[in-house]
């Protein structure tokens, strides 16, 4: 789904009602666990940048919420936690919002903030 929002607030506000609570929670977790990161809109997604490089992003897609932890070393560190989730290189897709494990997401965010590795 293409979103033309110019700000993160606008993007969250335009998110369908049934997904908005998950977006608000994702945003709060990112703000809490990514100190020093810049929140912005890029690539029609909510992004979090450090040193002008996007390291985390999330977006509303037609059939799911996509969460992009863009550091491959962090993805590998959390492989066991991703078992059973629909994921691929640098993307976790949540089609069932009831199965969104915010503790897994928080762990990924903490590991991303600690990592000085490169994005994939």
PDB file of N, CA and C in Angstrom:
ATOM      1  N   UNK A   1       0.845  -1.187   0.000  1.00  0.00           N
ATOM      2  CA  UNK A   1       0.000   0.000   0.000  1.00  0.00           C
ATOM      3  C   UNK A   1       0.883   1.240   0.000  1.00  0.00           C
ATOM      4  N   UNK A   2       0.631   2.106  -0.924  1.00  0.00           N
ATOM      5  CA  UNK A   2       1.393   3.334  -0.984  1.00  0.00           C
ATOM      6  C   UNK A   2       0.760   4.363  -0.070  1.00  0.00           C
ATOM      7  N   UNK A   3       1.595   5.022   0.699  1.00  0.00           N
ATOM      8  CA  UNK A   3       1.149   6.052   1.609  1.00  0.00           C
ATOM      9  C   UNK A   3       1.931   7.312   1.278  1.00  0.00           C
ATOM     10  N   UNK A   4       1.257   8.401   1.128  1.00  0.00           N
ATOM     11  CA  UNK A   4       1.902   9.659   0.761  1.00  0.00           C
ATOM     12  C   UNK A   4       2.140  10.563   1.965  1.00  0.00           C
ATOM     13  N   UNK A   5       2.098  10.015   3.171  1.00  0.00           N
ATOM     14  CA  UNK A   5       2.272  10.809   4.386  1.00  0.00           C
ATOM     15  C   UNK A   5       3.626  11.508   4.383  1.00  0.00           C
ATOM     16  N   UNK A   6       3.627  12.730   4.854  1.00  0.00           N
ATOM     17  CA  UNK A   6       4.857  13.528   4.921  1.00  0.00           C
ATOM     18  C   UNK A   6       5.524  13.432   6.294  1.00  0.00           C
ATOM     19  N   UNK A   7       4.785  12.977   7.297  1.00  0.00           N
ATOM     20  CA  UNK A   7       5.347  12.858   8.649  1.00  0.00           C
ATOM     21  C   UNK A   7       4.934  11.526   9.254  1.00  0.00           C
ATOM     22  N   UNK A   8       5.655  11.123  10.286  1.00  0.00           N
ATOM     23  CA  UNK A   8       5.331   9.871  10.970  1.00  0.00           C
ATOM     24  C   UNK A   8       3.956   9.984  11.625  1.00  0.00           C
ATOM     25  N   UNK A   9       3.664  11.121  12.227  1.00  0.00           N
ATOM     26  CA  UNK A   9       2.341  11.317  12.838  1.00  0.00           C
ATOM     27  C   UNK A   9       1.232  11.099  11.812  1.00  0.00           C
ATOM     28  N   UNK A  10       1.411  11.687  10.635  1.00  0.00           N
ATOM     29  CA  UNK A  10       0.418  11.556   9.568  1.00  0.00           C
ATOM     30  C   UNK A  10       0.305  10.094   9.109  1.00  0.00           C
ATOM     31  N   UNK A  11       1.438   9.419   8.995  1.00  0.00           N
ATOM     32  CA  UNK A  11       1.440   8.016   8.566  1.00  0.00           C
ATOM     33  C   UNK A  11       0.648   7.160   9.550  1.00  0.00           C
ATOM     34  N   UNK A  12       0.928   7.322  10.825  1.00  0.00           N
ATOM     35  CA  UNK A  12       0.226   6.534  11.856  1.00  0.00           C
ATOM     36  C   UNK A  12      -1.264   6.867  11.829  1.00  0.00           C
ATOM     37  N   UNK A  13      -1.580   8.135  11.696  1.00  0.00           N
ATOM     38  CA  UNK A  13      -2.978   8.572  11.650  1.00  0.00           C
ATOM     39  C   UNK A  13      -3.726   7.968  10.458  1.00  0.00           C
ATOM     40  N   UNK A  14      -3.043   7.790   9.331  1.00  0.00           N
ATOM     41  CA  UNK A  14      -3.662   7.239   8.128  1.00  0.00           C
ATOM     42  C   UNK A  14      -3.693   5.713   8.098  1.00  0.00           C
ATOM     43  N   UNK A  15      -3.065   5.094   9.080  1.00  0.00           N
ATOM     44  CA  UNK A  15      -3.065   3.631   9.153  1.00  0.00           C
ATOM     45  C   UNK A  15      -4.479   3.155   9.476  1.00  0.00           C
ATOM     46  N   UNK A  16      -4.938   2.084   8.817  1.00  0.00           N
ATOM     47  CA  UNK A  16      -6.280   1.574   9.117  1.00  0.00           C
ATOM     48  C   UNK A  16      -6.463   1.307  10.615  1.00  0.00           C
ATOM     49  N   UNK A  17      -7.652   1.586  11.088  1.00  0.00           N
ATOM     50  CA  UNK A  17      -7.976   1.496  12.520  1.00  0.00           C
ATOM     51  C   UNK A  17      -7.536   0.167  13.143  1.00  0.00           C
ATOM     52  N   UNK A  18      -7.750  -0.944  12.425  1.00  0.00           N
ATOM     53  CA  UNK A  18      -7.435  -2.259  12.994  1.00  0.00           C
ATOM     54  C   UNK A  18      -5.934  -2.483  13.166  1.00  0.00           C
ATOM     55  N   UNK A  19      -5.109  -1.636  12.565  1.00  0.00           N
ATOM     56  CA  UNK A  19      -3.647  -1.769  12.684  1.00  0.00           C
ATOM     57  C   UNK A  19      -3.007  -0.624  13.461  1.00  0.00           C
ATOM     58  N   UNK A  20      -3.759   0.398  13.713  1.00  0.00           N
ATOM     59  CA  UNK A  20      -3.184   1.611  14.317  1.00  0.00           C
ATOM     60  C   UNK A  20      -2.570   1.344  15.684  1.00  0.00           C
ATOM     61  N   UNK A  21      -3.214   0.557  16.501  1.00  0.00           N
ATOM     62  CA  UNK A  21      -2.681   0.277  17.844  1.00  0.00           C
ATOM     63  C   UNK A  21      -1.311  -0.408  17.749  1.00  0.00           C
ATOM     64  N   UNK A  22      -1.151  -1.329  16.810  1.00  0.00           N
ATOM     65  CA  UNK A  22       0.137  -1.997  16.623  1.00  0.00           C
ATOM     66  C   UNK A  22       1.194  -0.986  16.171  1.00  0.00           C
ATOM     67  N   UNK A  23       0.822  -0.054  15.302  1.00  0.00           N
ATOM     68  CA  UNK A  23       1.760   0.971  14.849  1.00  0.00           C
ATOM     69  C   UNK A  23       2.179   1.888  15.999  1.00  0.00           C
ATOM     70  N   UNK A  24       1.228   2.266  16.819  1.00  0.00           N
ATOM     71  CA  UNK A  24       1.534   3.119  17.966  1.00  0.00           C
ATOM     72  C   UNK A  24       2.508   2.396  18.898  1.00  0.00           C
ATOM     73  N   UNK A  25       2.277   1.118  19.123  1.00  0.00           N
ATOM     74  CA  UNK A  25       3.160   0.315  19.991  1.00  0.00           C
ATOM     75  C   UNK A  25       4.557   0.176  19.366  1.00  0.00           C
ATOM     76  N   UNK A  26       4.623  -0.115  18.059  1.00  0.00           N
ATOM     77  CA  UNK A  26       5.915  -0.215  17.373  1.00  0.00           C
ATOM     78  C   UNK A  26       6.692   1.094  17.488  1.00  0.00           C
ATOM     79  N   UNK A  27       6.017   2.184  17.254  1.00  0.00           N
ATOM     80  CA  UNK A  27       6.666   3.493  17.323  1.00  0.00           C
ATOM     81  C   UNK A  27       7.188   3.773  18.726  1.00  0.00           C
ATOM     82  N   UNK A  28       6.385   3.470  19.727  1.00  0.00           N
ATOM     83  CA  UNK A  28       6.811   3.688  21.112  1.00  0.00           C
ATOM     84  C   UNK A  28       8.039   2.831  21.452  1.00  0.00           C
ATOM     85  N   UNK A  29       8.034   1.578  21.011  1.00  0.00           N
ATOM     86  CA  UNK A  29       9.185   0.707  21.260  1.00  0.00           C
ATOM     87  C   UNK A  29      10.443   1.239  20.575  1.00  0.00           C
ATOM     88  N   UNK A  30      10.303   1.721  19.361  1.00  0.00           N
ATOM     89  CA  UNK A  30      11.453   2.275  18.647  1.00  0.00           C
ATOM     90  C   UNK A  30      11.990   3.507  19.358  1.00  0.00           C
ATOM     91  N   UNK A  31      11.120   4.385  19.751  1.00  0.00           N
ATOM     92  CA  UNK A  31      11.553   5.614  20.436  1.00  0.00           C
ATOM     93  C   UNK A  31      12.236   5.294  21.759  1.00  0.00           C
ATOM     94  N   UNK A  32      11.734   4.300  22.447  1.00  0.00           N
ATOM     95  CA  UNK A  32      12.273   3.920  23.762  1.00  0.00           C
ATOM     96  C   UNK A  32      13.612   3.195  23.646  1.00  0.00           C
ATOM     97  N   UNK A  33      13.777   2.374  22.621  1.00  0.00           N
ATOM     98  CA  UNK A  33      14.935   1.485  22.551  1.00  0.00           C
ATOM     99  C   UNK A  33      15.988   1.868  21.522  1.00  0.00           C
ATOM    100  N   UNK A  34      15.769   2.961  20.814  1.00  0.00           N
ATOM    101  CA  UNK A  34      16.741   3.425  19.824  1.00  0.00           C
ATOM    102  C   UNK A  34      17.184   4.851  20.163  1.00  0.00           C
ATOM    103  N   UNK A  35      17.852   5.019  21.295  1.00  0.00           N
ATOM    104  CA  UNK A  35      18.279   6.369  21.688  1.00  0.00           C
ATOM    105  C   UNK A  35      19.282   6.934  20.677  1.00  0.00           C
ATOM    106  N   UNK A  36      19.108   8.195  20.364  1.00  0.00           N
ATOM    107  CA  UNK A  36      20.013   8.852  19.438  1.00  0.00           C
ATOM    108  C   UNK A  36      19.668   8.649  17.969  1.00  0.00           C
ATOM    109  N   UNK A  37      18.640   7.893  17.682  1.00  0.00           N
ATOM    110  CA  UNK A  37      18.214   7.660  16.301  1.00  0.00           C
ATOM    111  C   UNK A  37      17.276   8.778  15.873  1.00  0.00           C
ATOM    112  N   UNK A  38      17.271   9.046  14.585  1.00  0.00           N
ATOM    113  CA  UNK A  38      16.371  10.036  14.005  1.00  0.00           C
ATOM    114  C   UNK A  38      15.156   9.312  13.427  1.00  0.00           C
ATOM    115  N   UNK A  39      13.972   9.712  13.854  1.00  0.00           N
ATOM    116  CA  UNK A  39      12.729   9.169  13.300  1.00  0.00           C
ATOM    117  C   UNK A  39      12.367   9.995  12.067  1.00  0.00           C
ATOM    118  N   UNK A  40      12.021   9.306  10.973  1.00  0.00           N
ATOM    119  CA  UNK A  40      11.703  10.030   9.744  1.00  0.00           C
ATOM    120  C   UNK A  40      10.850   9.159   8.828  1.00  0.00           C
ATOM    121  N   UNK A  41      10.410   9.768   7.751  1.00  0.00           N
ATOM    122  CA  UNK A  41       9.707   9.050   6.683  1.00  0.00           C
ATOM    123  C   UNK A  41      10.657   8.940   5.505  1.00  0.00           C
ATOM    124  N   UNK A  42      10.935   7.720   5.072  1.00  0.00           N
ATOM    125  CA  UNK A  42      11.710   7.478   3.861  1.00  0.00           C
ATOM    126  C   UNK A  42      11.157   6.226   3.209  1.00  0.00           C
ATOM    127  N   UNK A  43      11.213   6.184   1.893  1.00  0.00           N
ATOM    128  CA  UNK A  43      10.737   5.021   1.142  1.00  0.00           C
ATOM    129  C   UNK A  43       9.270   4.697   1.466  1.00  0.00           C
ATOM    130  N   UNK A  44       8.478   5.726   1.820  1.00  0.00           N
ATOM    131  CA  UNK A  44       7.070   5.561   2.214  1.00  0.00           C
ATOM    132  C   UNK A  44       6.917   4.671   3.438  1.00  0.00           C
ATOM    133  N   UNK A  45       7.905   4.695   4.329  1.00  0.00           N
ATOM    134  CA  UNK A  45       7.877   3.906   5.566  1.00  0.00           C
ATOM    135  C   UNK A  45       8.341   4.773   6.729  1.00  0.00           C
ATOM    136  N   UNK A  46       7.998   4.331   7.935  1.00  0.00           N
ATOM    137  CA  UNK A  46       8.536   4.937   9.145  1.00  0.00           C
ATOM    138  C   UNK A  46       9.937   4.364   9.318  1.00  0.00           C
ATOM    139  N   UNK A  47      10.931   5.237   9.432  1.00  0.00           N
ATOM    140  CA  UNK A  47      12.324   4.792   9.511  1.00  0.00           C
ATOM    141  C   UNK A  47      13.026   5.388  10.723  1.00  0.00           C
ATOM    142  N   UNK A  48      14.044   4.663  11.162  1.00  0.00           N
ATOM    143  CA  UNK A  48      14.905   5.115  12.258  1.00  0.00           C
ATOM    144  C   UNK A  48      16.334   5.029  11.770  1.00  0.00           C
ATOM    145  N   UNK A  49      16.994   6.214  11.777  1.00  0.00           N
ATOM    146  CA  UNK A  49      18.340   6.320  11.232  1.00  0.00           C
ATOM    147  C   UNK A  49      19.347   6.662  12.332  1.00  0.00           C
ATOM    148  N   UNK A  50      20.528   6.097  12.152  1.00  0.00           N
ATOM    149  CA  UNK A  50      21.669   6.483  12.980  1.00  0.00           C
ATOM    150  C   UNK A  50      22.786   6.818  12.002  1.00  0.00           C
ATOM    151  N   UNK A  51      23.431   7.939  12.235  1.00  0.00           N
ATOM    152  CA  UNK A  51      24.494   8.403  11.337  1.00  0.00           C
ATOM    153  C   UNK A  51      24.017   8.434   9.886  1.00  0.00           C
ATOM    154  N   UNK A  52      22.782   8.861   9.715  1.00  0.00           N
ATOM    155  CA  UNK A  52      22.157   9.040   8.394  1.00  0.00           C
ATOM    156  C   UNK A  52      21.938   7.732   7.625  1.00  0.00           C
ATOM    157  N   UNK A  53      21.927   6.601   8.329  1.00  0.00           N
ATOM    158  CA  UNK A  53      21.685   5.298   7.709  1.00  0.00           C
ATOM    159  C   UNK A  53      20.454   4.671   8.353  1.00  0.00           C
ATOM    160  N   UNK A  54      19.472   4.259   7.543  1.00  0.00           N
ATOM    161  CA  UNK A  54      18.270   3.609   8.060  1.00  0.00           C
ATOM    162  C   UNK A  54      18.659   2.224   8.585  1.00  0.00           C
ATOM    163  N   UNK A  55      18.338   1.970   9.851  1.00  0.00           N
ATOM    164  CA  UNK A  55      18.638   0.676  10.465  1.00  0.00           C
ATOM    165  C   UNK A  55      17.378  -0.109  10.820  1.00  0.00           C
ATOM    166  N   UNK A  56      16.265   0.598  11.021  1.00  0.00           N
ATOM    167  CA  UNK A  56      14.973  -0.017  11.366  1.00  0.00           C
ATOM    168  C   UNK A  56      13.890   0.725  10.593  1.00  0.00           C
ATOM    169  N   UNK A  57      12.903  -0.025  10.123  1.00  0.00           N
ATOM    170  CA  UNK A  57      11.754   0.600   9.460  1.00  0.00           C
ATOM    171  C   UNK A  57      10.533  -0.287   9.658  1.00  0.00           C
ATOM    172  N   UNK A  58       9.365   0.300   9.503  1.00  0.00           N
ATOM    173  CA  UNK A  58       8.135  -0.493   9.463  1.00  0.00           C
ATOM    174  C   UNK A  58       7.127   0.194   8.561  1.00  0.00           C
ATOM    175  N   UNK A  59       6.215  -0.629   8.034  1.00  0.00           N
ATOM    176  CA  UNK A  59       5.260  -0.109   7.061  1.00  0.00           C
ATOM    177  C   UNK A  59       3.970  -0.903   7.077  1.00  0.00           C
ATOM    178  N   UNK A  60       2.922  -0.262   6.623  1.00  0.00           N
ATOM    179  CA  UNK A  60       1.628  -0.897   6.449  1.00  0.00           C
ATOM    180  C   UNK A  60       1.556  -1.415   5.013  1.00  0.00           C
ATOM    181  N   UNK A  61       1.422  -2.705   4.859  1.00  0.00           N
ATOM    182  CA  UNK A  61       1.275  -3.320   3.547  1.00  0.00           C
ATOM    183  C   UNK A  61      -0.180  -3.765   3.382  1.00  0.00           C
ATOM    184  N   UNK A  62      -0.539  -4.232   2.208  1.00  0.00           N
ATOM    185  CA  UNK A  62      -1.930  -4.612   1.944  1.00  0.00           C
ATOM    186  C   UNK A  62      -2.414  -5.697   2.895  1.00  0.00           C
ATOM    187  N   UNK A  63      -1.603  -6.741   3.117  1.00  0.00           N
ATOM    188  CA  UNK A  63      -2.047  -7.886   3.915  1.00  0.00           C
ATOM    189  C   UNK A  63      -1.285  -8.093   5.207  1.00  0.00           C
ATOM    190  N   UNK A  64      -0.383  -7.191   5.539  1.00  0.00           N
ATOM    191  CA  UNK A  64       0.421  -7.369   6.746  1.00  0.00           C
ATOM    192  C   UNK A  64       1.132  -6.081   7.125  1.00  0.00           C
ATOM    193  N   UNK A  65       1.701  -6.093   8.316  1.00  0.00           N
ATOM    194  CA  UNK A  65       2.619  -5.047   8.744  1.00  0.00           C
ATOM    195  C   UNK A  65       4.011  -5.599   8.536  1.00  0.00           C
ATOM    196  N   UNK A  66       4.849  -4.845   7.879  1.00  0.00           N
ATOM    197  CA  UNK A  66       6.227  -5.273   7.680  1.00  0.00           C
ATOM    198  C   UNK A  66       7.125  -4.514   8.650  1.00  0.00           C
ATOM    199  N   UNK A  67       8.066  -5.255   9.236  1.00  0.00           N
ATOM    200  CA  UNK A  67       9.051  -4.709  10.175  1.00  0.00           C
ATOM    201  C   UNK A  67      10.416  -5.057   9.614  1.00  0.00           C
ATOM    202  N   UNK A  68      11.253  -4.044   9.441  1.00  0.00           N
ATOM    203  CA  UNK A  68      12.542  -4.225   8.786  1.00  0.00           C
ATOM    204  C   UNK A  68      13.703  -3.983   9.751  1.00  0.00           C
ATOM    205  N   UNK A  69      14.238  -5.046  10.343  1.00  0.00           N
ATOM    206  CA  UNK A  69      15.490  -4.906  11.092  1.00  0.00           C
ATOM    207  C   UNK A  69      16.623  -5.098  10.076  1.00  0.00           C
ATOM    208  N   UNK A  70      17.309  -4.043   9.719  1.00  0.00           N
ATOM    209  CA  UNK A  70      18.171  -4.060   8.551  1.00  0.00           C
ATOM    210  C   UNK A  70      19.628  -4.453   8.813  1.00  0.00           C
ATOM    211  N   UNK A  71      19.926  -4.906  10.007  1.00  0.00           N
ATOM    212  CA  UNK A  71      21.283  -5.383  10.298  1.00  0.00           C
ATOM    213  C   UNK A  71      21.266  -6.900  10.318  1.00  0.00           C
ATOM    214  N   UNK A  72      21.958  -7.512   9.370  1.00  0.00           N
ATOM    215  CA  UNK A  72      21.912  -8.975   9.255  1.00  0.00           C
ATOM    216  C   UNK A  72      22.468  -9.665  10.494  1.00  0.00           C
ATOM    217  N   UNK A  73      23.464  -9.073  11.156  1.00  0.00           N
ATOM    218  CA  UNK A  73      24.005  -9.711  12.367  1.00  0.00           C
ATOM    219  C   UNK A  73      22.950  -9.770  13.474  1.00  0.00           C
ATOM    220  N   UNK A  74      22.102  -8.765  13.545  1.00  0.00           N
ATOM    221  CA  UNK A  74      21.027  -8.761  14.547  1.00  0.00           C
ATOM    222  C   UNK A  74      19.994  -9.825  14.188  1.00  0.00           C
ATOM    223  N   UNK A  75      19.688  -9.936  12.922  1.00  0.00           N
ATOM    224  CA  UNK A  75      18.757 -10.973  12.478  1.00  0.00           C
ATOM    225  C   UNK A  75      19.286 -12.361  12.856  1.00  0.00           C
ATOM    226  N   UNK A  76      20.572 -12.587  12.629  1.00  0.00           N
ATOM    227  CA  UNK A  76      21.170 -13.886  12.966  1.00  0.00           C
ATOM    228  C   UNK A  76      21.180 -14.124  14.478  1.00  0.00           C
ATOM    229  N   UNK A  77      21.427 -13.078  15.260  1.00  0.00           N
ATOM    230  CA  UNK A  77      21.421 -13.201  16.720  1.00  0.00           C
ATOM    231  C   UNK A  77      20.052 -13.614  17.240  1.00  0.00           C
ATOM    232  N   UNK A  78      19.009 -13.259  16.523  1.00  0.00           N
ATOM    233  CA  UNK A  78      17.639 -13.494  16.977  1.00  0.00           C
ATOM    234  C   UNK A  78      16.922 -14.567  16.177  1.00  0.00           C
ATOM    235  N   UNK A  79      17.662 -15.386  15.430  1.00  0.00           N
ATOM    236  CA  UNK A  79      17.056 -16.395  14.556  1.00  0.00           C
ATOM    237  C   UNK A  79      16.081 -17.309  15.289  1.00  0.00           C
ATOM    238  N   UNK A  80      16.459 -17.761  16.468  1.00  0.00           N
ATOM    239  CA  UNK A  80      15.572 -18.676  17.204  1.00  0.00           C
ATOM    240  C   UNK A  80      14.262 -18.003  17.575  1.00  0.00           C
ATOM    241  N   UNK A  81      14.303 -16.708  17.855  1.00  0.00           N
ATOM    242  CA  UNK A  81      13.080 -15.977  18.211  1.00  0.00           C
ATOM    243  C   UNK A  81      12.156 -15.798  17.011  1.00  0.00           C
ATOM    244  N   UNK A  82      12.714 -15.914  15.808  1.00  0.00           N
ATOM    245  CA  UNK A  82      11.930 -15.694  14.584  1.00  0.00           C
ATOM    246  C   UNK A  82      11.276 -16.972  14.067  1.00  0.00           C
ATOM    247  N   UNK A  83      11.562 -18.098  14.718  1.00  0.00           N
ATOM    248  CA  UNK A  83      10.983 -19.374  14.303  1.00  0.00           C
ATOM    249  C   UNK A  83       9.456 -19.276  14.309  1.00  0.00           C
ATOM    250  N   UNK A  84       8.851 -19.676  13.220  1.00  0.00           N
ATOM    251  CA  UNK A  84       7.398 -19.652  13.097  1.00  0.00           C
ATOM    252  C   UNK A  84       6.839 -18.343  12.563  1.00  0.00           C
ATOM    253  N   UNK A  85       7.702 -17.326  12.444  1.00  0.00           N
ATOM    254  CA  UNK A  85       7.250 -16.051  11.894  1.00  0.00           C
ATOM    255  C   UNK A  85       7.532 -16.016  10.395  1.00  0.00           C
ATOM    256  N   UNK A  86       6.735 -15.272   9.675  1.00  0.00           N
ATOM    257  CA  UNK A  86       6.936 -15.091   8.239  1.00  0.00           C
ATOM    258  C   UNK A  86       8.032 -14.033   8.077  1.00  0.00           C
ATOM    259  N   UNK A  87       9.233 -14.484   7.737  1.00  0.00           N
ATOM    260  CA  UNK A  87      10.335 -13.535   7.614  1.00  0.00           C
ATOM    261  C   UNK A  87      11.287 -13.947   6.503  1.00  0.00           C
ATOM    262  N   UNK A  88      12.004 -12.965   6.039  1.00  0.00           N
ATOM    263  CA  UNK A  88      13.042 -13.156   5.032  1.00  0.00           C
ATOM    264  C   UNK A  88      14.160 -12.200   5.349  1.00  0.00           C
ATOM    265  N   UNK A  89      15.118 -12.093   4.476  1.00  0.00           N
ATOM    266  CA  UNK A  89      16.267 -11.229   4.722  1.00  0.00           C
ATOM    267  C   UNK A  89      15.826  -9.787   4.987  1.00  0.00           C
ATOM    268  N   UNK A  90      16.010  -9.365   6.220  1.00  0.00           N
ATOM    269  CA  UNK A  90      15.727  -7.987   6.579  1.00  0.00           C
ATOM    270  C   UNK A  90      14.268  -7.616   6.708  1.00  0.00           C
ATOM    271  N   UNK A  91      13.343  -8.583   6.748  1.00  0.00           N
ATOM    272  CA  UNK A  91      11.922  -8.258   6.839  1.00  0.00           C
ATOM    273  C   UNK A  91      11.160  -9.327   7.618  1.00  0.00           C
ATOM    274  N   UNK A  92      10.337  -8.879   8.535  1.00  0.00           N
ATOM    275  CA  UNK A  92       9.405  -9.755   9.250  1.00  0.00           C
ATOM    276  C   UNK A  92       8.013  -9.261   8.896  1.00  0.00           C
ATOM    277  N   UNK A  93       7.143 -10.191   8.470  1.00  0.00           N
ATOM    278  CA  UNK A  93       5.788  -9.824   8.053  1.00  0.00           C
ATOM    279  C   UNK A  93       4.772 -10.348   9.071  1.00  0.00           C
ATOM    280  N   UNK A  94       3.967  -9.453   9.596  1.00  0.00           N
ATOM    281  CA  UNK A  94       2.948  -9.803  10.587  1.00  0.00           C
ATOM    282  C   UNK A  94       1.569  -9.664   9.957  1.00  0.00           C
ATOM    283  N   UNK A  95       1.008 -10.787   9.495  1.00  0.00           N
ATOM    284  CA  UNK A  95      -0.338 -10.742   8.924  1.00  0.00           C
ATOM    285  C   UNK A  95      -1.389 -10.934  10.008  1.00  0.00           C
ATOM    286  N   UNK A  96      -1.031 -11.615  11.076  1.00  0.00           N
ATOM    287  CA  UNK A  96      -1.922 -11.818  12.207  1.00  0.00           C
ATOM    288  C   UNK A  96      -1.424 -10.945  13.356  1.00  0.00           C
ATOM    289  N   UNK A  97      -2.075  -9.819  13.565  1.00  0.00           N
ATOM    290  CA  UNK A  97      -1.615  -8.874  14.583  1.00  0.00           C
ATOM    291  C   UNK A  97      -1.670  -9.460  15.986  1.00  0.00           C
ATOM    292  N   UNK A  98      -2.507 -10.451  16.186  1.00  0.00           N
ATOM    293  CA  UNK A  98      -2.578 -11.123  17.481  1.00  0.00           C
ATOM    294  C   UNK A  98      -1.323 -11.921  17.797  1.00  0.00           C
ATOM    295  N   UNK A  99      -0.543 -12.215  16.762  1.00  0.00           N
ATOM    296  CA  UNK A  99       0.697 -12.971  16.953  1.00  0.00           C
ATOM    297  C   UNK A  99       1.937 -12.080  16.940  1.00  0.00           C
ATOM    298  N   UNK A 100       1.738 -10.769  16.950  1.00  0.00           N
ATOM    299  CA  UNK A 100       2.895  -9.864  17.009  1.00  0.00           C
ATOM    300  C   UNK A 100       3.506  -9.969  18.388  1.00  0.00           C
ATOM    301  N   UNK A 101       4.733 -10.427  18.441  1.00  0.00           N
ATOM    302  CA  UNK A 101       5.434 -10.571  19.714  1.00  0.00           C
ATOM    303  C   UNK A 101       6.305  -9.334  19.919  1.00  0.00           C
ATOM    304  N   UNK A 102       5.800  -8.410  20.715  1.00  0.00           N
ATOM    305  CA  UNK A 102       6.499  -7.154  20.916  1.00  0.00           C
ATOM    306  C   UNK A 102       7.784  -7.326  21.729  1.00  0.00           C
ATOM    307  N   UNK A 103       7.902  -8.421  22.474  1.00  0.00           N
ATOM    308  CA  UNK A 103       9.158  -8.688  23.188  1.00  0.00           C
ATOM    309  C   UNK A 103      10.252  -9.072  22.199  1.00  0.00           C
ATOM    310  N   UNK A 104       9.919  -9.812  21.157  1.00  0.00           N
ATOM    311  CA  UNK A 104      10.889 -10.140  20.104  1.00  0.00           C
ATOM    312  C   UNK A 104      11.324  -8.853  19.411  1.00  0.00           C
ATOM    313  N   UNK A 105      10.371  -8.008  19.085  1.00  0.00           N
ATOM    314  CA  UNK A 105      10.688  -6.736  18.431  1.00  0.00           C
ATOM    315  C   UNK A 105      11.576  -5.883  19.331  1.00  0.00           C
ATOM    316  N   UNK A 106      11.246  -5.810  20.607  1.00  0.00           N
ATOM    317  CA  UNK A 106      12.055  -5.032  21.553  1.00  0.00           C
ATOM    318  C   UNK A 106      13.480  -5.572  21.603  1.00  0.00           C
ATOM    319  N   UNK A 107      13.633  -6.882  21.644  1.00  0.00           N
ATOM    320  CA  UNK A 107      14.960  -7.496  21.675  1.00  0.00           C
ATOM    321  C   UNK A 107      15.752  -7.127  20.417  1.00  0.00           C
ATOM    322  N   UNK A 108      15.103  -7.156  19.273  1.00  0.00           N
ATOM    323  CA  UNK A 108      15.757  -6.778  18.014  1.00  0.00           C
ATOM    324  C   UNK A 108      16.180  -5.309  18.052  1.00  0.00           C
ATOM    325  N   UNK A 109      15.330  -4.459  18.582  1.00  0.00           N
ATOM    326  CA  UNK A 109      15.657  -3.036  18.674  1.00  0.00           C
ATOM    327  C   UNK A 109      16.853  -2.802  19.592  1.00  0.00           C
ATOM    328  N   UNK A 110      16.866  -3.462  20.737  1.00  0.00           N
ATOM    329  CA  UNK A 110      17.989  -3.322  21.679  1.00  0.00           C
ATOM    330  C   UNK A 110      19.281  -3.792  21.029  1.00  0.00           C
ATOM    331  N   UNK A 111      19.226  -4.942  20.347  1.00  0.00           N
ATOM    332  CA  UNK A 111      20.419  -5.463  19.682  1.00  0.00           C
ATOM    333  C   UNK A 111      20.866  -4.553  18.533  1.00  0.00           C
ATOM    334  N   UNK A 112      19.925  -3.960  17.842  1.00  0.00           N
ATOM    335  CA  UNK A 112      20.269  -3.028  16.759  1.00  0.00           C
ATOM    336  C   UNK A 112      20.996  -1.822  17.327  1.00  0.00           C
ATOM    337  N   UNK A 113      20.489  -1.250  18.409  1.00  0.00           N
ATOM    338  CA  UNK A 113      21.114  -0.074  19.014  1.00  0.00           C
ATOM    339  C   UNK A 113      22.532  -0.387  19.508  1.00  0.00           C
ATOM    340  N   UNK A 114      22.760  -1.605  19.959  1.00  0.00           N
ATOM    341  CA  UNK A 114      24.106  -1.996  20.455  1.00  0.00           C
ATOM    342  C   UNK A 114      25.063  -2.322  19.327  1.00  0.00           C
ATOM    343  N   UNK A 115      24.530  -2.710  18.183  1.00  0.00           N
ATOM    344  CA  UNK A 115      25.348  -3.175  17.070  1.00  0.00           C
ATOM    345  C   UNK A 115      25.988  -2.019  16.296  1.00  0.00           C
ATOM    346  N   UNK A 116      27.233  -2.196  15.970  1.00  0.00           N
ATOM    347  CA  UNK A 116      27.907  -1.236  15.101  1.00  0.00           C
ATOM    348  C   UNK A 116      28.121  -1.853  13.723  1.00  0.00           C
ATOM    349  N   UNK A 117      27.465  -3.005  13.482  1.00  0.00           N
ATOM    350  CA  UNK A 117      27.567  -3.694  12.183  1.00  0.00           C
ATOM    351  C   UNK A 117      26.874  -2.913  11.084  1.00  0.00           C
ATOM    352  N   UNK A 118      27.050  -3.411   9.888  1.00  0.00           N
ATOM    353  CA  UNK A 118      26.490  -2.765   8.702  1.00  0.00           C
ATOM    354  C   UNK A 118      25.071  -3.257   8.418  1.00  0.00           C
ATOM    355  N   UNK A 119      24.322  -2.438   7.707  1.00  0.00           N
ATOM    356  CA  UNK A 119      22.986  -2.846   7.287  1.00  0.00           C
ATOM    357  C   UNK A 119      23.108  -3.760   6.073  1.00  0.00           C
ATOM    358  N   UNK A 120      22.070  -4.620   5.878  1.00  0.00           N
ATOM    359  CA  UNK A 120      22.118  -5.551   4.751  1.00  0.00           C
ATOM    360  C   UNK A 120      21.798  -4.885   3.446  1.00  0.00           C
TER     361      UNK A 120
END
